[in-house]
């Protein structure tokens, strides 16, 4: 198994058995082409992206360079090889944008109307994969991944809450938790359930199709915060901060996974409490 990374200094790859890491910047078509010339793969899990909606507002150009041109370089490299692998692409629930409550949880047939550059870039990936599947016979599966979190995750509400609470517990910051908008509802899937979902997608999903991958229950962000505070055992003051507010925010992001469950037999196993508890264990070791 081969994994790629872009910046060794910022995020050094771990040492794991049966896994070899190689440097590869998806924005560099020559590097991507060389990767597929040197090795033969049965499956490609295309996860490489600029994945932060907030950053995509600030720098849409670099988001498009990474997510659109990077994906185009990948598919161009793959179409030139004799036996193309199955490509499982990490698309996004952000492709749907604002969804009316009457059609939540949203299905794969819903129109794609993203609100920000990140969501737009994932619509492009979705269409690129479908196009290369149709025009060049590359077997593809598009996973429209909704919110996922767990140990090691940063830059989302659960990880921000947990990290601050751990710092409060250890006396490293005042008993205050800074928050953004607490009203949106999100269905947070545990990262272990996400990994198992991508694995069964590679084996069982229909080629050329798009599938939602999502937790089975949405929670108001305020409820996630309350659960994290309860698990931490500390008393804190909640302080809303303007710099944590997004220019636009979907009121609810929740995907219908009936199609994915039907074709794969997958179902999520971790509860929100279990996910947050594992995140506390992780950050307590690192803080």
C-alpha atoms as a PDB file:
ATOM      1  CA  UNK A   1       0.000   0.000   0.000  1.00  0.00           C
ATOM      2  CA  UNK A   2       1.243   3.477  -0.907  1.00  0.00           C
ATOM      3  CA  UNK A   3       0.185   6.756   0.684  1.00  0.00           C
ATOM      4  CA  UNK A   4       1.072  10.221  -0.580  1.00  0.00           C
ATOM      5  CA  UNK A   5       1.763  13.449   1.268  1.00  0.00           C
ATOM      6  CA  UNK A   6       2.634  16.992   0.239  1.00  0.00           C
ATOM      7  CA  UNK A   7       4.570  18.553   3.105  1.00  0.00           C
ATOM      8  CA  UNK A   8       6.749  16.302   5.266  1.00  0.00           C
ATOM      9  CA  UNK A   9       7.715  19.079   7.695  1.00  0.00           C
ATOM     10  CA  UNK A  10       4.154  20.248   8.370  1.00  0.00           C
ATOM     11  CA  UNK A  11       2.684  16.755   8.672  1.00  0.00           C
ATOM     12  CA  UNK A  12       5.272  13.962   8.775  1.00  0.00           C
ATOM     13  CA  UNK A  13       3.855  10.606   7.672  1.00  0.00           C
ATOM     14  CA  UNK A  14       3.567   7.896  10.347  1.00  0.00           C
ATOM     15  CA  UNK A  15       5.549   4.675  10.245  1.00  0.00           C
ATOM     16  CA  UNK A  16       3.134   1.800   9.682  1.00  0.00           C
ATOM     17  CA  UNK A  17       3.621  -1.815   8.548  1.00  0.00           C
ATOM     18  CA  UNK A  18       2.834  -2.619   4.902  1.00  0.00           C
ATOM     19  CA  UNK A  19       2.465   1.076   4.101  1.00  0.00           C
ATOM     20  CA  UNK A  20       4.950   3.206   2.172  1.00  0.00           C
ATOM     21  CA  UNK A  21       4.642   6.987   1.950  1.00  0.00           C
ATOM     22  CA  UNK A  22       5.891   8.963  -1.036  1.00  0.00           C
ATOM     23  CA  UNK A  23       5.870  12.755  -1.585  1.00  0.00           C
ATOM     24  CA  UNK A  24       3.398  13.865  -4.225  1.00  0.00           C
ATOM     25  CA  UNK A  25       1.781  17.251  -4.792  1.00  0.00           C
ATOM     26  CA  UNK A  26      -1.445  16.706  -6.741  1.00  0.00           C
ATOM     27  CA  UNK A  27      -1.041  20.163  -8.290  1.00  0.00           C
ATOM     28  CA  UNK A  28       2.075  18.906 -10.086  1.00  0.00           C
ATOM     29  CA  UNK A  29       0.892  16.752 -12.968  1.00  0.00           C
ATOM     30  CA  UNK A  30       4.362  15.331 -13.593  1.00  0.00           C
ATOM     31  CA  UNK A  31       4.661  14.053 -10.019  1.00  0.00           C
ATOM     32  CA  UNK A  32       1.230  12.412 -10.239  1.00  0.00           C
ATOM     33  CA  UNK A  33       2.020  10.793 -13.592  1.00  0.00           C
ATOM     34  CA  UNK A  34       5.329   9.474 -12.260  1.00  0.00           C
ATOM     35  CA  UNK A  35       3.542   7.881  -9.287  1.00  0.00           C
ATOM     36  CA  UNK A  36       1.354   5.766 -11.575  1.00  0.00           C
ATOM     37  CA  UNK A  37       4.242   4.905 -13.861  1.00  0.00           C
ATOM     38  CA  UNK A  38       6.263   3.470 -10.980  1.00  0.00           C
ATOM     39  CA  UNK A  39       3.534   1.386  -9.287  1.00  0.00           C
ATOM     40  CA  UNK A  40       0.392  -0.515 -10.259  1.00  0.00           C
ATOM     41  CA  UNK A  41      -2.672  -0.047  -8.051  1.00  0.00           C
ATOM     42  CA  UNK A  42      -6.003  -1.829  -7.759  1.00  0.00           C
ATOM     43  CA  UNK A  43      -7.713   0.955  -5.821  1.00  0.00           C
ATOM     44  CA  UNK A  44      -7.087   4.672  -5.371  1.00  0.00           C
ATOM     45  CA  UNK A  45      -8.687   6.507  -2.447  1.00  0.00           C
ATOM     46  CA  UNK A  46      -8.633  10.122  -3.590  1.00  0.00           C
ATOM     47  CA  UNK A  47      -8.663  12.114  -0.335  1.00  0.00           C
ATOM     48  CA  UNK A  48      -6.165  14.857  -1.182  1.00  0.00           C
ATOM     49  CA  UNK A  49      -7.739  18.314  -0.950  1.00  0.00           C
ATOM     50  CA  UNK A  50      -7.922  21.701   0.706  1.00  0.00           C
ATOM     51  CA  UNK A  51     -10.808  20.666   2.946  1.00  0.00           C
ATOM     52  CA  UNK A  52     -11.673  23.770   5.006  1.00  0.00           C
ATOM     53  CA  UNK A  53     -14.718  25.795   3.872  1.00  0.00           C
ATOM     54  CA  UNK A  54     -13.548  28.780   5.951  1.00  0.00           C
ATOM     55  CA  UNK A  55     -10.182  28.847   4.167  1.00  0.00           C
ATOM     56  CA  UNK A  56     -11.911  28.508   0.805  1.00  0.00           C
ATOM     57  CA  UNK A  57     -13.613  31.868   1.386  1.00  0.00           C
ATOM     58  CA  UNK A  58     -10.281  33.498   2.146  1.00  0.00           C
ATOM     59  CA  UNK A  59      -8.331  31.852  -0.675  1.00  0.00           C
ATOM     60  CA  UNK A  60     -10.590  30.313  -3.329  1.00  0.00           C
ATOM     61  CA  UNK A  61      -7.785  30.208  -5.910  1.00  0.00           C
ATOM     62  CA  UNK A  62      -5.585  27.815  -3.921  1.00  0.00           C
ATOM     63  CA  UNK A  63      -8.685  25.742  -3.084  1.00  0.00           C
ATOM     64  CA  UNK A  64      -9.465  25.343  -6.790  1.00  0.00           C
ATOM     65  CA  UNK A  65      -5.826  24.623  -7.636  1.00  0.00           C
ATOM     66  CA  UNK A  66      -5.699  21.814  -5.070  1.00  0.00           C
ATOM     67  CA  UNK A  67      -9.168  20.357  -5.416  1.00  0.00           C
ATOM     68  CA  UNK A  68      -9.980  20.828  -9.103  1.00  0.00           C
ATOM     69  CA  UNK A  69      -6.615  20.876 -10.884  1.00  0.00           C
ATOM     70  CA  UNK A  70      -5.233  18.286  -8.466  1.00  0.00           C
ATOM     71  CA  UNK A  71      -8.136  15.964  -9.279  1.00  0.00           C
ATOM     72  CA  UNK A  72      -7.773  16.617 -13.008  1.00  0.00           C
ATOM     73  CA  UNK A  73      -4.072  15.704 -12.810  1.00  0.00           C
ATOM     74  CA  UNK A  74      -5.008  12.471 -11.033  1.00  0.00           C
ATOM     75  CA  UNK A  75      -7.569  11.372 -13.616  1.00  0.00           C
ATOM     76  CA  UNK A  76      -5.317  12.372 -16.514  1.00  0.00           C
ATOM     77  CA  UNK A  77      -2.524  10.207 -15.098  1.00  0.00           C
ATOM     78  CA  UNK A  78      -4.873   7.273 -14.577  1.00  0.00           C
ATOM     79  CA  UNK A  79      -6.439   7.379 -18.061  1.00  0.00           C
ATOM     80  CA  UNK A  80      -3.007   6.873 -19.623  1.00  0.00           C
ATOM     81  CA  UNK A  81      -2.340   3.530 -17.922  1.00  0.00           C
ATOM     82  CA  UNK A  82      -3.409   0.183 -19.360  1.00  0.00           C
ATOM     83  CA  UNK A  83      -5.400  -1.150 -16.401  1.00  0.00           C
ATOM     84  CA  UNK A  84      -6.951   1.742 -14.478  1.00  0.00           C
ATOM     85  CA  UNK A  85      -7.685   1.225 -10.784  1.00  0.00           C
ATOM     86  CA  UNK A  86     -11.003   1.810  -9.073  1.00  0.00           C
ATOM     87  CA  UNK A  87     -10.986   5.463  -7.937  1.00  0.00           C
ATOM     88  CA  UNK A  88     -12.957   6.211  -4.781  1.00  0.00           C
ATOM     89  CA  UNK A  89     -13.204  10.005  -4.506  1.00  0.00           C
ATOM     90  CA  UNK A  90     -13.939  11.970  -1.347  1.00  0.00           C
ATOM     91  CA  UNK A  91     -16.669  14.300  -2.541  1.00  0.00           C
ATOM     92  CA  UNK A  92     -18.788  16.227  -0.038  1.00  0.00           C
ATOM     93  CA  UNK A  93     -22.206  16.868   1.417  1.00  0.00           C
ATOM     94  CA  UNK A  94     -21.301  20.554   0.995  1.00  0.00           C
ATOM     95  CA  UNK A  95     -22.169  20.105  -2.679  1.00  0.00           C
ATOM     96  CA  UNK A  96     -25.883  20.360  -1.825  1.00  0.00           C
ATOM     97  CA  UNK A  97     -25.725  23.792  -0.135  1.00  0.00           C
ATOM     98  CA  UNK A  98     -28.895  25.040   1.568  1.00  0.00           C
ATOM     99  CA  UNK A  99     -31.467  22.250   1.701  1.00  0.00           C
ATOM    100  CA  UNK A 100     -35.106  22.839   2.605  1.00  0.00           C
ATOM    101  CA  UNK A 101     -36.212  21.053   5.813  1.00  0.00           C
ATOM    102  CA  UNK A 102     -38.880  19.207   3.837  1.00  0.00           C
ATOM    103  CA  UNK A 103     -36.229  17.222   1.902  1.00  0.00           C
ATOM    104  CA  UNK A 104     -33.866  16.477   4.812  1.00  0.00           C
ATOM    105  CA  UNK A 105     -32.140  14.032   4.954  1.00  0.00           C
ATOM    106  CA  UNK A 106     -31.020  14.927   1.455  1.00  0.00           C
ATOM    107  CA  UNK A 107     -30.721  12.208  -1.194  1.00  0.00           C
ATOM    108  CA  UNK A 108     -28.198  11.883  -4.008  1.00  0.00           C
ATOM    109  CA  UNK A 109     -30.799  13.101  -6.544  1.00  0.00           C
ATOM    110  CA  UNK A 110     -31.053  16.548  -4.949  1.00  0.00           C
ATOM    111  CA  UNK A 111     -29.686  19.495  -7.035  1.00  0.00           C
ATOM    112  CA  UNK A 112     -26.130  20.551  -6.251  1.00  0.00           C
ATOM    113  CA  UNK A 113     -26.078  24.213  -5.127  1.00  0.00           C
ATOM    114  CA  UNK A 114     -22.929  24.786  -3.049  1.00  0.00           C
ATOM    115  CA  UNK A 115     -22.489  27.920  -0.951  1.00  0.00           C
ATOM    116  CA  UNK A 116     -18.708  28.350  -0.996  1.00  0.00           C
ATOM    117  CA  UNK A 117     -15.583  27.663  -3.003  1.00  0.00           C
ATOM    118  CA  UNK A 118     -14.923  24.376  -1.193  1.00  0.00           C
ATOM    119  CA  UNK A 119     -18.380  23.049  -2.096  1.00  0.00           C
ATOM    120  CA  UNK A 120     -17.986  24.246  -5.700  1.00  0.00           C
ATOM    121  CA  UNK A 121     -14.640  22.465  -5.963  1.00  0.00           C
ATOM    122  CA  UNK A 122     -16.219  19.212  -4.765  1.00  0.00           C
ATOM    123  CA  UNK A 123     -19.006  19.498  -7.338  1.00  0.00           C
ATOM    124  CA  UNK A 124     -16.243  19.766  -9.940  1.00  0.00           C
ATOM    125  CA  UNK A 125     -14.577  16.620  -8.583  1.00  0.00           C
ATOM    126  CA  UNK A 126     -17.920  14.811  -8.646  1.00  0.00           C
ATOM    127  CA  UNK A 127     -18.467  15.748 -12.292  1.00  0.00           C
ATOM    128  CA  UNK A 128     -14.853  15.041 -13.282  1.00  0.00           C
ATOM    129  CA  UNK A 129     -15.039  11.528 -11.865  1.00  0.00           C
ATOM    130  CA  UNK A 130     -18.357  10.846 -13.580  1.00  0.00           C
ATOM    131  CA  UNK A 131     -16.989  12.202 -16.856  1.00  0.00           C
ATOM    132  CA  UNK A 132     -13.805  10.119 -16.786  1.00  0.00           C
ATOM    133  CA  UNK A 133     -15.847   7.058 -15.847  1.00  0.00           C
ATOM    134  CA  UNK A 134     -18.187   7.599 -18.807  1.00  0.00           C
ATOM    135  CA  UNK A 135     -15.634   8.754 -21.398  1.00  0.00           C
ATOM    136  CA  UNK A 136     -12.526   6.724 -20.497  1.00  0.00           C
ATOM    137  CA  UNK A 137     -13.960   3.654 -18.725  1.00  0.00           C
ATOM    138  CA  UNK A 138     -12.227   4.457 -15.429  1.00  0.00           C
ATOM    139  CA  UNK A 139     -14.149   2.676 -12.649  1.00  0.00           C
ATOM    140  CA  UNK A 140     -15.137   5.365 -10.137  1.00  0.00           C
ATOM    141  CA  UNK A 141     -17.169   5.690  -6.937  1.00  0.00           C
ATOM    142  CA  UNK A 142     -18.005   9.140  -5.570  1.00  0.00           C
ATOM    143  CA  UNK A 143     -18.543   9.349  -1.810  1.00  0.00           C
ATOM    144  CA  UNK A 144     -20.373  12.504  -0.780  1.00  0.00           C
ATOM    145  CA  UNK A 145     -18.962  12.613   2.702  1.00  0.00           C
ATOM    146  CA  UNK A 146     -20.775  14.642   5.335  1.00  0.00           C
ATOM    147  CA  UNK A 147     -19.240  15.878   8.601  1.00  0.00           C
ATOM    148  CA  UNK A 148     -16.711  13.448  10.004  1.00  0.00           C
ATOM    149  CA  UNK A 149     -14.647  13.837  13.162  1.00  0.00           C
ATOM    150  CA  UNK A 150     -12.593  11.918  15.700  1.00  0.00           C
ATOM    151  CA  UNK A 151      -9.140  11.702  17.304  1.00  0.00           C
ATOM    152  CA  UNK A 152      -6.634  13.832  15.404  1.00  0.00           C
ATOM    153  CA  UNK A 153      -9.231  15.978  13.660  1.00  0.00           C
ATOM    154  CA  UNK A 154      -8.704  19.741  13.813  1.00  0.00           C
ATOM    155  CA  UNK A 155     -10.603  22.803  12.635  1.00  0.00           C
ATOM    156  CA  UNK A 156     -14.125  21.608  13.292  1.00  0.00           C
ATOM    157  CA  UNK A 157     -16.518  22.358  16.163  1.00  0.00           C
ATOM    158  CA  UNK A 158     -16.071  19.091  18.146  1.00  0.00           C
ATOM    159  CA  UNK A 159     -12.259  19.252  18.041  1.00  0.00           C
ATOM    160  CA  UNK A 160     -12.233  22.963  18.918  1.00  0.00           C
ATOM    161  CA  UNK A 161     -14.501  22.317  21.916  1.00  0.00           C
ATOM    162  CA  UNK A 162     -12.515  19.301  23.137  1.00  0.00           C
ATOM    163  CA  UNK A 163      -9.108  20.963  22.774  1.00  0.00           C
ATOM    164  CA  UNK A 164     -10.246  24.048  24.699  1.00  0.00           C
ATOM    165  CA  UNK A 165     -11.828  21.958  27.463  1.00  0.00           C
ATOM    166  CA  UNK A 166      -8.657  19.884  27.831  1.00  0.00           C
ATOM    167  CA  UNK A 167      -6.636  23.093  28.157  1.00  0.00           C
ATOM    168  CA  UNK A 168      -9.067  24.385  30.793  1.00  0.00           C
ATOM    169  CA  UNK A 169      -8.839  21.103  32.694  1.00  0.00           C
ATOM    170  CA  UNK A 170      -5.044  21.299  32.722  1.00  0.00           C
ATOM    171  CA  UNK A 171      -5.004  24.959  33.761  1.00  0.00           C
ATOM    172  CA  UNK A 172      -3.566  26.133  30.449  1.00  0.00           C
ATOM    173  CA  UNK A 173      -6.344  28.626  29.673  1.00  0.00           C
ATOM    174  CA  UNK A 174      -9.121  30.432  31.580  1.00  0.00           C
ATOM    175  CA  UNK A 175     -12.420  28.606  32.128  1.00  0.00           C
ATOM    176  CA  UNK A 176     -13.869  30.005  28.918  1.00  0.00           C
ATOM    177  CA  UNK A 177     -14.790  28.200  25.692  1.00  0.00           C
ATOM    178  CA  UNK A 178     -14.902  30.396  22.590  1.00  0.00           C
ATOM    179  CA  UNK A 179     -17.560  29.380  20.086  1.00  0.00           C
ATOM    180  CA  UNK A 180     -19.036  30.337  16.735  1.00  0.00           C
ATOM    181  CA  UNK A 181     -22.604  29.730  15.578  1.00  0.00           C
ATOM    182  CA  UNK A 182     -24.204  27.098  17.807  1.00  0.00           C
ATOM    183  CA  UNK A 183     -27.525  26.849  15.950  1.00  0.00           C
ATOM    184  CA  UNK A 184     -26.649  24.714  12.889  1.00  0.00           C
ATOM    185  CA  UNK A 185     -27.356  20.993  13.007  1.00  0.00           C
ATOM    186  CA  UNK A 186     -24.721  18.542  11.849  1.00  0.00           C
ATOM    187  CA  UNK A 187     -24.496  14.737  11.714  1.00  0.00           C
ATOM    188  CA  UNK A 188     -20.947  13.941  12.858  1.00  0.00           C
ATOM    189  CA  UNK A 189     -19.666  10.569  11.658  1.00  0.00           C
ATOM    190  CA  UNK A 190     -16.838   8.959  13.613  1.00  0.00           C
ATOM    191  CA  UNK A 191     -13.646   8.675  11.577  1.00  0.00           C
ATOM    192  CA  UNK A 192     -13.526   4.896  12.118  1.00  0.00           C
ATOM    193  CA  UNK A 193     -16.986   4.575  10.569  1.00  0.00           C
ATOM    194  CA  UNK A 194     -15.825   6.800   7.704  1.00  0.00           C
ATOM    195  CA  UNK A 195     -12.839   4.528   7.021  1.00  0.00           C
ATOM    196  CA  UNK A 196     -15.003   1.403   7.032  1.00  0.00           C
ATOM    197  CA  UNK A 197     -17.424   3.182   4.693  1.00  0.00           C
ATOM    198  CA  UNK A 198     -14.711   3.967   2.143  1.00  0.00           C
ATOM    199  CA  UNK A 199     -13.433   0.387   2.360  1.00  0.00           C
ATOM    200  CA  UNK A 200     -16.784  -1.232   1.602  1.00  0.00           C
ATOM    201  CA  UNK A 201     -17.436   1.403  -1.076  1.00  0.00           C
ATOM    202  CA  UNK A 202     -14.360   0.194  -2.957  1.00  0.00           C
ATOM    203  CA  UNK A 203     -15.570  -3.389  -2.845  1.00  0.00           C
ATOM    204  CA  UNK A 204     -19.330  -3.126  -3.229  1.00  0.00           C
ATOM    205  CA  UNK A 205     -20.517   0.202  -4.645  1.00  0.00           C
ATOM    206  CA  UNK A 206     -21.673   0.451  -8.249  1.00  0.00           C
ATOM    207  CA  UNK A 207     -19.091   2.015 -10.555  1.00  0.00           C
ATOM    208  CA  UNK A 208     -19.875   5.477 -11.850  1.00  0.00           C
ATOM    209  CA  UNK A 209     -22.311   6.182  -9.002  1.00  0.00           C
ATOM    210  CA  UNK A 210     -22.409   8.801  -6.234  1.00  0.00           C
ATOM    211  CA  UNK A 211     -23.299   7.890  -2.648  1.00  0.00           C
ATOM    212  CA  UNK A 212     -23.942   9.829   0.547  1.00  0.00           C
ATOM    213  CA  UNK A 213     -21.914   8.788   3.603  1.00  0.00           C
ATOM    214  CA  UNK A 214     -23.250  10.302   6.807  1.00  0.00           C
ATOM    215  CA  UNK A 215     -24.024   9.633  10.462  1.00  0.00           C
ATOM    216  CA  UNK A 216     -27.550   8.501  11.256  1.00  0.00           C
ATOM    217  CA  UNK A 217     -28.565  11.450  13.474  1.00  0.00           C
ATOM    218  CA  UNK A 218     -27.990  15.236  13.318  1.00  0.00           C
ATOM    219  CA  UNK A 219     -27.148  17.253  16.449  1.00  0.00           C
ATOM    220  CA  UNK A 220     -27.353  20.979  17.064  1.00  0.00           C
ATOM    221  CA  UNK A 221     -23.827  22.298  17.598  1.00  0.00           C
ATOM    222  CA  UNK A 222     -24.998  23.595  20.984  1.00  0.00           C
ATOM    223  CA  UNK A 223     -25.828  19.999  21.961  1.00  0.00           C
ATOM    224  CA  UNK A 224     -22.357  18.829  20.871  1.00  0.00           C
ATOM    225  CA  UNK A 225     -20.839  21.515  23.101  1.00  0.00           C
ATOM    226  CA  UNK A 226     -23.000  20.529  26.079  1.00  0.00           C
ATOM    227  CA  UNK A 227     -22.051  16.877  25.638  1.00  0.00           C
ATOM    228  CA  UNK A 228     -18.352  17.765  25.477  1.00  0.00           C
ATOM    229  CA  UNK A 229     -18.632  19.896  28.646  1.00  0.00           C
ATOM    230  CA  UNK A 230     -20.411  17.046  30.451  1.00  0.00           C
ATOM    231  CA  UNK A 231     -17.718  14.560  29.469  1.00  0.00           C
ATOM    232  CA  UNK A 232     -14.938  16.960  30.498  1.00  0.00           C
ATOM    233  CA  UNK A 233     -16.237  17.417  34.031  1.00  0.00           C
ATOM    234  CA  UNK A 234     -15.243  21.105  34.110  1.00  0.00           C
ATOM    235  CA  UNK A 235     -17.333  24.260  34.531  1.00  0.00           C
ATOM    236  CA  UNK A 236     -16.840  26.885  31.841  1.00  0.00           C
ATOM    237  CA  UNK A 237     -18.274  30.105  30.474  1.00  0.00           C
ATOM    238  CA  UNK A 238     -19.348  30.050  26.817  1.00  0.00           C
ATOM    239  CA  UNK A 239     -18.154  33.082  24.835  1.00  0.00           C
ATOM    240  CA  UNK A 240     -19.405  33.698  21.267  1.00  0.00           C
ATOM    241  CA  UNK A 241     -16.658  35.129  19.014  1.00  0.00           C
ATOM    242  CA  UNK A 242     -17.235  36.977  15.758  1.00  0.00           C
ATOM    243  CA  UNK A 243     -14.059  35.606  14.159  1.00  0.00           C
ATOM    244  CA  UNK A 244     -15.484  32.083  14.486  1.00  0.00           C
ATOM    245  CA  UNK A 245     -18.653  32.975  12.559  1.00  0.00           C
ATOM    246  CA  UNK A 246     -18.829  31.990   8.876  1.00  0.00           C
ATOM    247  CA  UNK A 247     -20.127  34.336   6.155  1.00  0.00           C
ATOM    248  CA  UNK A 248     -22.810  31.731   5.367  1.00  0.00           C
ATOM    249  CA  UNK A 249     -23.739  28.546   7.159  1.00  0.00           C
ATOM    250  CA  UNK A 250     -26.069  25.729   6.149  1.00  0.00           C
ATOM    251  CA  UNK A 251     -28.784  25.395   8.820  1.00  0.00           C
ATOM    252  CA  UNK A 252     -28.646  21.613   8.639  1.00  0.00           C
ATOM    253  CA  UNK A 253     -26.330  19.183   6.874  1.00  0.00           C
ATOM    254  CA  UNK A 254     -27.709  15.654   6.972  1.00  0.00           C
ATOM    255  CA  UNK A 255     -27.526  13.042   4.244  1.00  0.00           C
ATOM    256  CA  UNK A 256     -29.783  10.130   3.414  1.00  0.00           C
ATOM    257  CA  UNK A 257     -27.624   6.974   3.315  1.00  0.00           C
ATOM    258  CA  UNK A 258     -30.314   4.494   2.229  1.00  0.00           C
ATOM    259  CA  UNK A 259     -28.647   3.907  -1.150  1.00  0.00           C
ATOM    260  CA  UNK A 260     -25.209   3.329   0.409  1.00  0.00           C
ATOM    261  CA  UNK A 261     -26.562   0.950   3.068  1.00  0.00           C
ATOM    262  CA  UNK A 262     -28.546  -0.984   0.467  1.00  0.00           C
ATOM    263  CA  UNK A 263     -25.530  -1.561  -1.774  1.00  0.00           C
ATOM    264  CA  UNK A 264     -22.908  -2.209   0.938  1.00  0.00           C
ATOM    265  CA  UNK A 265     -24.629  -3.300   4.166  1.00  0.00           C
ATOM    266  CA  UNK A 266     -22.664  -0.597   6.021  1.00  0.00           C
ATOM    267  CA  UNK A 267     -23.936   1.151   9.134  1.00  0.00           C
ATOM    268  CA  UNK A 268     -22.256   3.513  11.635  1.00  0.00           C
ATOM    269  CA  UNK A 269     -21.259   2.001  14.974  1.00  0.00           C
ATOM    270  CA  UNK A 270     -19.965   4.871  17.133  1.00  0.00           C
ATOM    271  CA  UNK A 271     -22.197   7.240  19.117  1.00  0.00           C
ATOM    272  CA  UNK A 272     -21.425  10.939  19.572  1.00  0.00           C
ATOM    273  CA  UNK A 273     -20.479  10.291  23.216  1.00  0.00           C
ATOM    274  CA  UNK A 274     -18.012   7.579  22.178  1.00  0.00           C
ATOM    275  CA  UNK A 275     -16.455   9.800  19.518  1.00  0.00           C
ATOM    276  CA  UNK A 276     -16.016  12.753  21.891  1.00  0.00           C
ATOM    277  CA  UNK A 277     -14.597  10.488  24.608  1.00  0.00           C
ATOM    278  CA  UNK A 278     -11.975   9.179  22.196  1.00  0.00           C
ATOM    279  CA  UNK A 279     -11.141  12.764  21.207  1.00  0.00           C
ATOM    280  CA  UNK A 280     -10.638  13.701  24.876  1.00  0.00           C
ATOM    281  CA  UNK A 281      -8.247  10.763  25.301  1.00  0.00           C
ATOM    282  CA  UNK A 282      -6.297  11.853  22.219  1.00  0.00           C
ATOM    283  CA  UNK A 283      -5.942  15.534  23.143  1.00  0.00           C
ATOM    284  CA  UNK A 284      -5.181  14.828  26.795  1.00  0.00           C
ATOM    285  CA  UNK A 285      -2.174  12.801  25.650  1.00  0.00           C
ATOM    286  CA  UNK A 286      -0.995  15.545  23.291  1.00  0.00           C
ATOM    287  CA  UNK A 287      -1.657  18.620  25.456  1.00  0.00           C
END
